[in-house]
Amino acid sequence: MMDLNIKDLDDSVGQRLREQAAAAGLSVQQYLRNELTRIAARRSPGELVADRQPMSRQEFEAIRERLRTADGR
């Protein structure tokens, strides 16, 4: 388990989080726990870029041809 303490959060942000938690029928802690769990489950943009494989010329040409066909050219 990990405990977090977020300092210097704008009052307007805190208010918005309270509103969102209330709308979801959750405490702010549970709402944030759910949101942080959801965020952590996704891959970050940096992770996506790091795992990206370059497209081959053949793949590029196949996509280009599909787009031409879809445009009716």
Protein backbone atom coordinates (compact mmCIF):
# COMPACT_ATOMS: atom_id res chain seq x y z
CA MET A 1 0.00 0.00 0.00
CA MET A 2 1.05 3.56 -0.63
CA ASP A 3 -0.09 6.73 1.10
CA LEU A 4 -0.15 9.96 -0.89
CA ASN A 5 -0.28 13.53 0.33
CA ILE A 6 -0.91 16.17 -2.32
CA LYS A 7 0.00 19.69 -1.26
CA ASP A 8 -0.85 23.09 -2.73
CA LEU A 9 -3.89 21.92 -4.68
CA ASP A 10 -5.99 24.86 -5.84
CA ASP A 11 -9.26 25.26 -3.96
CA SER A 12 -11.19 25.15 -7.23
CA VAL A 13 -9.63 21.78 -8.09
CA GLY A 14 -10.48 20.41 -4.66
CA GLN A 15 -14.06 21.65 -5.01
CA ARG A 16 -14.39 20.05 -8.43
CA LEU A 17 -13.08 16.73 -7.09
CA ARG A 18 -15.59 16.88 -4.22
CA GLU A 19 -18.39 17.50 -6.75
CA GLN A 20 -17.29 14.61 -8.94
CA ALA A 21 -17.00 12.27 -5.97
CA ALA A 22 -20.45 13.26 -4.71
CA ALA A 23 -21.94 12.71 -8.18
CA ALA A 24 -20.42 9.23 -8.19
CA GLY A 25 -21.73 8.55 -4.67
CA LEU A 26 -18.19 8.13 -3.32
CA SER A 27 -15.97 9.75 -0.76
CA VAL A 28 -13.23 11.91 -2.24
CA GLN A 29 -10.67 9.33 -1.11
CA GLN A 30 -12.47 6.47 -2.84
CA TYR A 31 -13.10 8.56 -5.95
CA LEU A 32 -9.41 9.48 -6.21
CA ARG A 33 -8.37 5.89 -5.46
CA ASN A 34 -10.55 4.71 -8.36
CA GLU A 35 -9.24 7.41 -10.70
CA LEU A 36 -5.59 6.76 -9.82
CA THR A 37 -6.10 3.02 -10.33
CA ARG A 38 -7.63 3.71 -13.75
CA ILE A 39 -4.75 6.03 -14.72
CA ALA A 40 -2.10 3.57 -13.54
CA ALA A 41 -3.65 0.78 -15.62
CA ARG A 42 -3.10 2.72 -18.86
CA ARG A 43 0.19 2.99 -20.66
CA SER A 44 1.71 6.48 -20.55
CA PRO A 45 2.53 8.38 -23.75
CA GLY A 46 6.22 7.78 -23.05
CA GLU A 47 5.64 4.03 -22.77
CA LEU A 48 3.66 4.02 -26.01
CA VAL A 49 6.43 5.88 -27.85
CA ALA A 50 9.14 3.64 -26.43
CA ASP A 51 7.36 0.52 -27.70
CA ARG A 52 6.50 1.96 -31.11
CA GLN A 53 7.77 0.04 -34.10
CA PRO A 54 8.55 1.91 -37.31
CA MET A 55 6.12 1.31 -40.14
CA SER A 56 7.54 -0.53 -43.14
CA ARG A 57 7.29 0.98 -46.60
CA GLN A 58 4.94 -1.86 -47.56
CA GLU A 59 2.60 -1.08 -44.63
CA PHE A 60 2.68 2.61 -45.52
CA GLU A 61 1.81 1.93 -49.16
CA ALA A 62 -1.05 -0.39 -48.16
CA ILE A 63 -2.56 2.30 -45.94
CA ARG A 64 -2.04 4.91 -48.62
CA GLU A 65 -3.86 2.74 -51.15
CA ARG A 66 -6.78 2.14 -48.77
CA LEU A 67 -7.09 5.90 -48.25
CA ARG A 68 -7.05 6.57 -51.98
CA THR A 69 -9.75 3.95 -52.49
CA ALA A 70 -11.84 5.42 -49.68
CA ASP A 71 -11.51 8.92 -51.22
CA GLY A 72 -12.52 7.58 -54.61
CA ARG A 73 -9.29 8.69 -56.30
